[in-house]
Amino acid sequence: MPRGLTVTTASTAGRLHLALRWSRTLLSHGDGAHLRDLFEHYLHTTEVTR
């Protein structure tokens, strides 16, 4: 497990994949879920609509 917070990204077939890992001593499950939701919200705002 990471000692802090790790953010990993990869792009495959034009799609962005994001992985978040954190130490449970740093963030609780609820904190991690909140962080995930923030990433999802702000990444969604960068989506190109056609």
C-alpha atoms as a PDB file:
ATOM      1  CA  MET A   1       0.000   0.000   0.000  1.00  0.00           C
ATOM      2  CA  PRO A   2       1.137   3.543  -0.606  1.00  0.00           C
ATOM      3  CA  ARG A   3       2.299   5.610   2.352  1.00  0.00           C
ATOM      4  CA  GLY A   4       0.294   8.603   1.202  1.00  0.00           C
ATOM      5  CA  LEU A   5      -1.801   9.283  -1.871  1.00  0.00           C
ATOM      6  CA  THR A   6      -0.997   7.900  -5.320  1.00  0.00           C
ATOM      7  CA  VAL A   7      -2.701   9.035  -8.530  1.00  0.00           C
ATOM      8  CA  THR A   8      -2.031   7.029 -11.684  1.00  0.00           C
ATOM      9  CA  THR A   9      -3.365   7.783 -15.150  1.00  0.00           C
ATOM     10  CA  ALA A  10      -3.271   5.980 -18.471  1.00  0.00           C
ATOM     11  CA  SER A  11      -4.830   6.660 -21.841  1.00  0.00           C
ATOM     12  CA  THR A  12      -6.092   3.712 -23.855  1.00  0.00           C
ATOM     13  CA  ALA A  13      -8.088   3.919 -27.093  1.00  0.00           C
ATOM     14  CA  GLY A  14      -8.854   7.590 -26.484  1.00  0.00           C
ATOM     15  CA  ARG A  15     -10.138   7.023 -22.948  1.00  0.00           C
ATOM     16  CA  LEU A  16      -8.537   8.294 -19.775  1.00  0.00           C
ATOM     17  CA  HIS A  17      -8.207   5.800 -16.921  1.00  0.00           C
ATOM     18  CA  LEU A  18      -7.535   7.058 -13.422  1.00  0.00           C
ATOM     19  CA  ALA A  19      -6.510   5.014 -10.391  1.00  0.00           C
ATOM     20  CA  LEU A  20      -6.411   6.375  -6.847  1.00  0.00           C
ATOM     21  CA  ARG A  21      -4.659   4.574  -3.986  1.00  0.00           C
ATOM     22  CA  TRP A  22      -4.223   5.849  -0.471  1.00  0.00           C
ATOM     23  CA  SER A  23      -3.014   4.814   2.922  1.00  0.00           C
ATOM     24  CA  ARG A  24      -5.854   3.972   5.289  1.00  0.00           C
ATOM     25  CA  THR A  25      -3.978   5.839   8.022  1.00  0.00           C
ATOM     26  CA  LEU A  26      -4.162   8.945   5.820  1.00  0.00           C
ATOM     27  CA  LEU A  27      -7.723   8.681   4.490  1.00  0.00           C
ATOM     28  CA  SER A  28     -10.686   6.637   5.688  1.00  0.00           C
ATOM     29  CA  HIS A  29     -12.940   4.761   3.253  1.00  0.00           C
ATOM     30  CA  GLY A  30     -15.393   7.675   3.272  1.00  0.00           C
ATOM     31  CA  ASP A  31     -12.599  10.179   2.573  1.00  0.00           C
ATOM     32  CA  GLY A  32     -11.394   8.077  -0.349  1.00  0.00           C
ATOM     33  CA  ALA A  33     -14.908   7.826  -1.762  1.00  0.00           C
ATOM     34  CA  HIS A  34     -15.286  11.610  -1.481  1.00  0.00           C
ATOM     35  CA  LEU A  35     -11.971  12.127  -3.282  1.00  0.00           C
ATOM     36  CA  ARG A  36     -13.079   9.713  -6.032  1.00  0.00           C
ATOM     37  CA  ASP A  37     -16.349  11.619  -6.424  1.00  0.00           C
ATOM     38  CA  LEU A  38     -14.480  14.931  -6.722  1.00  0.00           C
ATOM     39  CA  PHE A  39     -12.197  13.509  -9.423  1.00  0.00           C
ATOM     40  CA  GLU A  40     -15.212  12.103 -11.268  1.00  0.00           C
ATOM     41  CA  HIS A  41     -17.085  15.411 -11.109  1.00  0.00           C
ATOM     42  CA  TYR A  42     -14.220  17.604 -12.286  1.00  0.00           C
ATOM     43  CA  LEU A  43     -13.033  15.175 -14.964  1.00  0.00           C
ATOM     44  CA  HIS A  44     -16.588  15.006 -16.272  1.00  0.00           C
ATOM     45  CA  THR A  45     -16.611  18.801 -16.693  1.00  0.00           C
ATOM     46  CA  THR A  46     -13.671  18.474 -19.125  1.00  0.00           C
ATOM     47  CA  GLU A  47     -15.590  15.999 -21.328  1.00  0.00           C
ATOM     48  CA  VAL A  48     -16.076  17.042 -24.928  1.00  0.00           C
ATOM     49  CA  THR A  49     -19.708  16.898 -25.973  1.00  0.00           C
ATOM     50  CA  ARG A  50     -20.600  16.553 -29.635  1.00  0.00           C
END
